Each structure stands twice: as structure tokens, then as C-alpha cells.
Amino acid sequence: MSQLALDRLHLAYENQATGASFLALSEVSFKVERGEFVTIVGPSGCGKSTLLMLIAALLKPTSGALSLNDRPISQPGSDRALVFQDFALLPWRTVLANVELGLELKGVPKDKRREAARRYVQMVGLRAFENSFPHQLSGGMRQRVGIARALSVEPEVLLMDEPFGALDAQIRQVMASELLRIWERDRKTILFVTHDIDEAVYLADRIIVMSASPGRIVKEIKVDFPRPRELAIRNTPEFTLYRKQIWDLLEEQIRNSGSWEQGDVEPAVAS
């Protein structure tokens, strides 16, 4: 049984001033198995982040259906947690207090949420910084706090929207390795949006490639590298083949759309 299922999703926005309709997503269908790590790539504006918002029930589709464990998704819930690119930490709360936030909102007693928060802070390697404030941390450390906060509510599905996009290239690679290390511990189902082709291949069991707007599924690619993975796989001929396959698909989509923009996708650079 698939854990997460999207069935023929459409999302259209209406311009209130002109009445014109803009189709953001069209006929999007795919399934995610329990414990699977799936990455989503596509040109800018294709609806990758919108898909995560629909799964989180922060947006509602115009038509189509979403389900988790065969139950319709109709409202936000702690069974799905979002990690954003901008960290979204509360600056007046310490690392530990930020990680506690979701548990606090769920009404978990203070002693239990403090114990759980400490466990996840340690998991992401920040035990020595639990009393620090966000402004005292590096970008990579702040993103670890965001991941710990999402994991602390024990979601069934972790939704990650360009979580490393604001980091420099070297820290981004380190954070990808750290995420895999954390994921290996309990194999939470992860849906991960990225512009970075290397990142998509390195992390994923399967890659979903989307078209230019309106967003559709162009291809699903299974990644056959064994786990656990080392950064060195990025320099293998097999990795290069995956990279080229995805880049060719995206380049075709962008050129056919007639809108070639800087930053649509990041062609991979061997590391």
C-alpha cells in the first residue's frame, strides 16, 4: 500500500481583477511508498513548492484527490511536517525552545516535550548549542534546527522545500549528507523539492521530473545507488548518466516553454 497518493491534481488560480484563470498544475498523479525518499525537480514556476503546499493542505486543489494511508487529506495535520528554505525559526527562542514549538502546540506536557526536543537536537548534532539563539548559529546549523523541529512532532511524511537553497555549495553538500544520516535512522518518508540536479540524484530513491508551467509529471526516474551513500558517488560515471538524463529533460522543458531564465535549474558540477 502506498503511503501518499496524488490523483489527477489540478490547481488553477483566478485573477480577481481580470477574471482570467492561470493553470498551475495539471493532471499530477504519483504515489510515494512508506520510507521512500523522493526528490522533485523542474523549471522555476512549475509548481514544485505548490505540490508540497497541497500535500500539507495549506492549499486546496481545484480538482483531484490526495490521500495519506488511504485517508483523504483535507486539512493540515502533524502527520505532515514542512521544512522551508528560510529556516522559519523564532529569533527570541533558543534552539531547544524552537524544536519544542511543534510539541508545545500539540499540548505535550513541558517535561515530555523538553525530553523529546533534546533527543532531536542531539540527533542533528547541536547538543552543545541547545541554549543558543538563531542569530548565534550558522546557516547550516539553523537549518538543522528546522529539521529537528519538524522531526520532533514525529510526522509520517516530511515535506522539504528547497531546505538547503540558501546555503553555499560546500555547506549544502555537507547538509545533504547529514540529512541522509538522519534519515537512515528511522526512514521517514521524505518528499524533497530542489533545483539542484546533483542533490536530487544523491538523495533520492526516485526522482520526479516536472514540466514547465503548467506543472505535469514528465518522468519518474528510479535511482539505483545502494545505501548508505557517500559523497564520492557524485564523481562516478553512473551518477553522470543520471545527471545528464535529468538535465536533458529539464532543458527540453525550459526551451519548449519559450522562457529561459537564469536559475530555472542548476546544471550539476562534479564535486
Protein backbone atom coordinates (compact mmCIF):
# COMPACT_ATOMS: atom_id res chain seq x y z
CA MET A 1 0.00 0.00 0.00
CA SER A 2 1.35 3.40 -0.97
CA GLN A 3 1.61 5.80 1.93
CA LEU A 4 0.99 9.00 -0.05
CA ALA A 5 -1.09 9.21 -3.22
CA LEU A 6 -1.84 12.13 -5.53
CA ASP A 7 -4.52 11.50 -8.14
CA ARG A 8 -5.03 13.81 -11.14
CA LEU A 9 -4.42 17.04 -9.27
CA HIS A 10 -5.31 20.30 -10.96
CA LEU A 11 -4.76 23.72 -9.47
CA ALA A 12 -5.95 26.89 -11.17
CA TYR A 13 -5.70 30.43 -9.84
CA GLU A 14 -8.13 33.15 -10.83
CA ASN A 15 -7.03 36.76 -11.22
CA GLN A 16 -9.62 38.65 -9.18
CA ALA A 17 -9.07 41.83 -11.20
CA THR A 18 -9.37 40.36 -14.71
CA GLY A 19 -11.18 37.09 -14.08
CA ALA A 20 -8.50 35.27 -16.09
CA SER A 21 -7.52 31.79 -14.92
CA PHE A 22 -3.94 30.55 -14.58
CA LEU A 23 -3.36 26.79 -14.56
CA ALA A 24 -0.51 25.99 -12.16
CA LEU A 25 -0.76 22.18 -12.06
CA SER A 26 -2.39 19.75 -14.46
CA GLU A 27 -3.08 16.01 -14.13
CA VAL A 28 -0.42 15.42 -11.48
CA SER A 29 -0.51 11.82 -10.26
CA PHE A 30 2.10 9.84 -8.35
CA LYS A 31 2.50 7.65 -5.28
CA VAL A 32 5.13 7.53 -2.56
CA GLU A 33 5.86 4.37 -0.61
CA ARG A 34 6.44 4.29 3.14
CA GLY A 35 10.05 5.17 3.95
CA GLU A 36 10.82 6.31 0.40
CA PHE A 37 12.99 9.38 -0.28
CA VAL A 38 11.58 11.14 -3.36
CA THR A 39 13.01 14.31 -4.88
CA ILE A 40 11.14 16.67 -7.22
CA VAL A 41 12.90 18.78 -9.85
CA GLY A 42 11.55 21.08 -12.52
CA PRO A 43 11.83 24.56 -14.06
CA SER A 44 11.04 27.62 -11.96
CA GLY A 45 7.32 28.21 -11.66
CA CYS A 46 6.35 24.63 -12.49
CA GLY A 47 4.53 24.09 -9.21
CA LYS A 48 7.05 22.06 -7.18
CA SER A 49 6.54 24.05 -3.98
CA THR A 50 2.81 24.28 -4.69
CA LEU A 51 2.64 20.49 -4.61
CA LEU A 52 4.08 20.44 -1.10
CA MET A 53 1.58 23.09 -0.02
CA LEU A 54 -1.25 20.93 -1.36
CA ILE A 55 0.04 17.86 0.49
CA ALA A 56 0.33 19.94 3.66
CA ALA A 57 -3.27 21.11 2.99
CA LEU A 58 -2.20 24.76 3.09
CA LEU A 59 -3.74 24.97 -0.38
CA LYS A 60 -6.70 23.08 -1.83
CA PRO A 61 -6.66 21.62 -5.36
CA THR A 62 -9.17 22.77 -7.95
CA SER A 63 -9.83 19.11 -8.66
CA GLY A 64 -8.27 15.73 -7.97
CA ALA A 65 -7.55 13.90 -4.73
CA LEU A 66 -4.77 13.46 -2.17
CA SER A 67 -4.58 10.72 0.44
CA LEU A 68 -2.27 9.55 3.20
CA ASN A 69 -2.57 5.91 4.24
CA ASP A 70 -5.79 5.72 2.18
CA ARG A 71 -7.32 8.59 4.17
CA PRO A 72 -8.21 11.78 2.25
CA ILE A 73 -6.05 14.81 3.02
CA SER A 74 -8.40 17.67 3.77
CA GLN A 75 -6.68 19.77 6.43
CA PRO A 76 -3.24 20.39 7.95
CA GLY A 77 -2.03 17.84 10.46
CA SER A 78 1.02 16.76 12.43
CA ASP A 79 1.28 13.66 10.23
CA ARG A 80 2.90 16.01 7.66
CA ALA A 81 5.67 18.48 8.53
CA LEU A 82 7.16 21.21 6.32
CA VAL A 83 10.78 22.38 6.30
CA PHE A 84 11.32 25.67 4.46
CA GLN A 85 14.34 27.28 2.79
CA ASP A 86 14.31 30.31 5.08
CA PHE A 87 14.59 28.26 8.32
CA ALA A 88 11.48 29.96 9.81
CA LEU A 89 12.93 29.92 13.33
CA LEU A 90 11.61 32.20 16.06
CA PRO A 91 14.52 34.54 16.86
CA TRP A 92 13.54 35.03 20.52
CA ARG A 93 13.57 31.30 21.26
CA THR A 94 16.65 29.16 21.87
CA VAL A 95 17.48 26.13 19.76
CA LEU A 96 15.79 23.86 22.28
CA ALA A 97 12.71 26.09 22.57
CA ASN A 98 12.40 26.27 18.75
CA VAL A 99 12.49 22.49 18.49
CA GLU A 100 9.87 22.25 21.26
CA LEU A 101 7.46 24.54 19.42
CA GLY A 102 5.50 21.91 17.49
CA LEU A 103 5.16 19.74 20.57
CA GLU A 104 4.03 22.75 22.58
CA LEU A 105 1.34 23.49 20.01
CA LYS A 106 0.21 19.86 20.26
CA GLY A 107 -0.22 20.26 24.01
CA VAL A 108 2.58 17.90 25.02
CA PRO A 109 3.49 18.44 28.72
CA LYS A 110 6.62 20.52 29.30
CA ASP A 111 8.82 17.73 30.70
CA LYS A 112 7.95 15.34 27.86
CA ARG A 113 8.44 17.91 25.12
CA ARG A 114 11.76 19.03 26.62
CA GLU A 115 12.97 15.42 26.67
CA ALA A 116 11.87 14.85 23.07
CA ALA A 117 13.38 18.14 21.89
CA ARG A 118 16.73 17.29 23.47
CA ARG A 119 16.71 13.92 21.70
CA TYR A 120 16.21 15.54 18.29
CA VAL A 121 18.68 18.34 18.95
CA GLN A 122 21.26 15.67 19.70
CA MET A 123 20.26 13.75 16.57
CA VAL A 124 21.13 16.74 14.38
CA GLY A 125 24.42 17.31 16.21
CA LEU A 126 23.55 20.52 18.08
CA ARG A 127 23.52 19.39 21.71
CA ALA A 128 26.25 21.91 22.58
CA PHE A 129 24.10 24.74 21.12
CA GLU A 130 20.70 23.96 22.65
CA ASN A 131 20.71 27.24 24.63
CA SER A 132 21.90 29.36 21.70
CA PHE A 133 19.66 31.72 19.74
CA PRO A 134 19.24 31.57 15.93
CA HIS A 135 21.36 34.68 15.30
CA GLN A 136 24.29 32.90 17.01
CA LEU A 137 24.17 29.98 14.55
CA SER A 138 25.46 29.48 11.01
CA GLY A 139 23.00 28.93 8.16
CA GLY A 140 23.63 25.19 8.17
CA MET A 141 23.08 25.00 11.92
CA ARG A 142 19.82 26.94 11.67
CA GLN A 143 18.59 24.53 9.03
CA ARG A 144 19.44 21.61 11.32
CA VAL A 145 17.22 23.21 13.95
CA GLY A 146 14.41 23.40 11.39
CA ILE A 147 14.82 19.72 10.58
CA ALA A 148 14.90 18.77 14.27
CA ARG A 149 11.73 20.80 14.88
CA ALA A 150 9.93 19.03 12.03
CA LEU A 151 11.06 15.59 13.19
CA SER A 152 10.13 16.25 16.82
CA VAL A 153 6.39 16.02 16.07
CA GLU A 154 7.07 12.58 14.56
CA PRO A 155 5.37 13.18 11.21
CA GLU A 156 4.64 10.33 8.85
CA VAL A 157 5.79 12.43 5.88
CA LEU A 158 8.46 15.13 5.86
CA LEU A 159 7.97 17.80 3.18
CA MET A 160 11.15 19.73 2.38
CA ASP A 161 11.00 22.81 0.16
CA GLU A 162 14.50 23.76 -1.07
CA PRO A 163 15.79 23.42 2.50
CA PHE A 164 19.43 23.97 1.53
CA GLY A 165 18.84 26.58 -1.17
CA ALA A 166 20.17 29.48 0.92
CA LEU A 167 23.43 27.71 1.79
CA ASP A 168 26.72 27.88 -0.09
CA ALA A 169 27.73 24.91 -2.24
CA GLN A 170 30.10 23.26 0.24
CA ILE A 171 27.75 23.52 3.23
CA ARG A 172 24.89 22.35 1.02
CA GLN A 173 26.72 19.10 0.27
CA VAL A 174 27.52 18.57 3.93
CA MET A 175 23.88 19.17 4.87
CA ALA A 176 22.69 16.68 2.25
CA SER A 177 24.97 14.05 3.78
CA GLU A 178 23.73 14.96 7.26
CA LEU A 179 20.12 14.63 6.13
CA LEU A 180 20.79 11.15 4.78
CA ARG A 181 22.47 10.19 8.06
CA ILE A 182 19.41 11.36 10.00
CA TRP A 183 17.01 9.72 7.54
CA GLU A 184 18.81 6.37 7.78
CA ARG A 185 17.90 6.17 11.48
CA ASP A 186 14.14 5.82 11.07
CA ARG A 187 13.44 6.14 7.33
CA LYS A 188 10.73 8.78 7.47
CA THR A 189 9.01 9.24 4.14
CA ILE A 190 10.51 12.38 2.56
CA LEU A 191 9.34 14.48 -0.38
CA PHE A 192 12.14 16.92 -1.20
CA VAL A 193 11.93 19.82 -3.70
CA THR A 194 15.20 21.08 -5.20
CA HIS A 195 16.62 22.97 -8.19
CA ASP A 196 19.95 21.18 -7.79
CA ILE A 197 20.25 18.10 -10.02
CA ASP A 198 23.22 16.63 -8.12
CA GLU A 199 21.34 17.00 -4.86
CA ALA A 200 18.27 15.30 -6.34
CA VAL A 201 20.25 12.29 -7.54
CA TYR A 202 22.40 11.95 -4.42
CA LEU A 203 19.44 11.94 -2.03
CA ALA A 204 16.69 10.09 -3.85
CA ASP A 205 15.31 6.63 -4.24
CA ARG A 206 13.24 8.13 -7.03
CA ILE A 207 13.22 11.47 -8.87
CA ILE A 208 10.06 13.11 -10.21
CA VAL A 209 10.77 15.45 -13.12
CA MET A 210 8.16 18.11 -13.79
CA SER A 211 7.37 20.10 -16.92
CA ALA A 212 7.39 23.84 -17.33
CA SER A 213 4.14 25.58 -16.33
CA PRO A 214 1.54 24.21 -16.06
CA GLY A 215 3.29 21.58 -13.99
CA ARG A 216 2.90 17.99 -15.13
CA ILE A 217 4.92 14.85 -14.46
CA VAL A 218 7.37 14.34 -17.33
CA LYS A 219 9.19 11.28 -15.99
CA GLU A 220 9.89 9.30 -12.83
CA ILE A 221 13.46 8.02 -12.52
CA LYS A 222 14.49 5.30 -10.09
CA VAL A 223 17.97 5.83 -8.61
CA ASP A 224 19.75 2.51 -8.16
CA PHE A 225 22.67 3.52 -5.93
CA PRO A 226 22.95 1.40 -2.77
CA ARG A 227 22.56 2.91 0.69
CA PRO A 228 24.17 4.30 2.77
CA ARG A 229 25.69 6.70 0.23
CA GLU A 230 28.98 8.56 0.27
CA LEU A 231 29.60 11.90 -1.39
CA ALA A 232 32.09 10.15 -3.68
CA ILE A 233 29.26 8.64 -5.74
CA ARG A 234 28.82 12.11 -7.27
CA ASN A 235 32.03 11.51 -9.24
CA THR A 236 31.07 8.12 -10.71
CA PRO A 237 30.14 7.54 -14.37
CA GLU A 238 26.73 6.23 -13.25
CA PHE A 239 26.00 9.47 -11.42
CA THR A 240 26.98 11.45 -14.52
CA LEU A 241 24.46 9.47 -16.58
CA TYR A 242 21.63 10.28 -14.18
CA ARG A 243 22.70 13.93 -14.18
CA LYS A 244 22.67 14.12 -17.98
CA GLN A 245 19.31 12.36 -18.28
CA ILE A 246 17.66 14.83 -15.93
CA TRP A 247 19.39 17.88 -17.38
CA ASP A 248 18.31 16.91 -20.92
CA LEU A 249 14.69 16.52 -19.78
CA LEU A 250 14.69 19.88 -17.99
CA GLU A 251 16.48 21.72 -20.78
CA GLU A 252 13.89 20.46 -23.26
CA GLN A 253 11.05 21.63 -21.00
CA ILE A 254 12.54 25.07 -20.48
CA ARG A 255 13.31 25.63 -24.17
CA ASN A 256 9.87 24.42 -25.25
CA SER A 257 8.23 26.78 -22.79
CA GLY A 258 9.88 29.75 -24.52
CA SER A 259 11.08 31.13 -21.20
CA TRP A 260 14.75 30.51 -20.46
CA GLU A 261 15.52 32.09 -17.10
CA GLN A 262 18.66 32.20 -15.02
CA GLY A 263 18.14 29.80 -12.13
CA ASP A 264 15.49 27.60 -13.74
CA VAL A 265 17.60 24.60 -12.84
CA GLU A 266 21.14 24.18 -11.64
CA PRO A 267 23.19 22.04 -14.03
CA ALA A 268 25.36 19.86 -11.85
CA VAL A 269 29.03 20.49 -11.30
CA ALA A 270 31.14 17.50 -10.37
CA SER A 271 32.26 17.71 -6.77
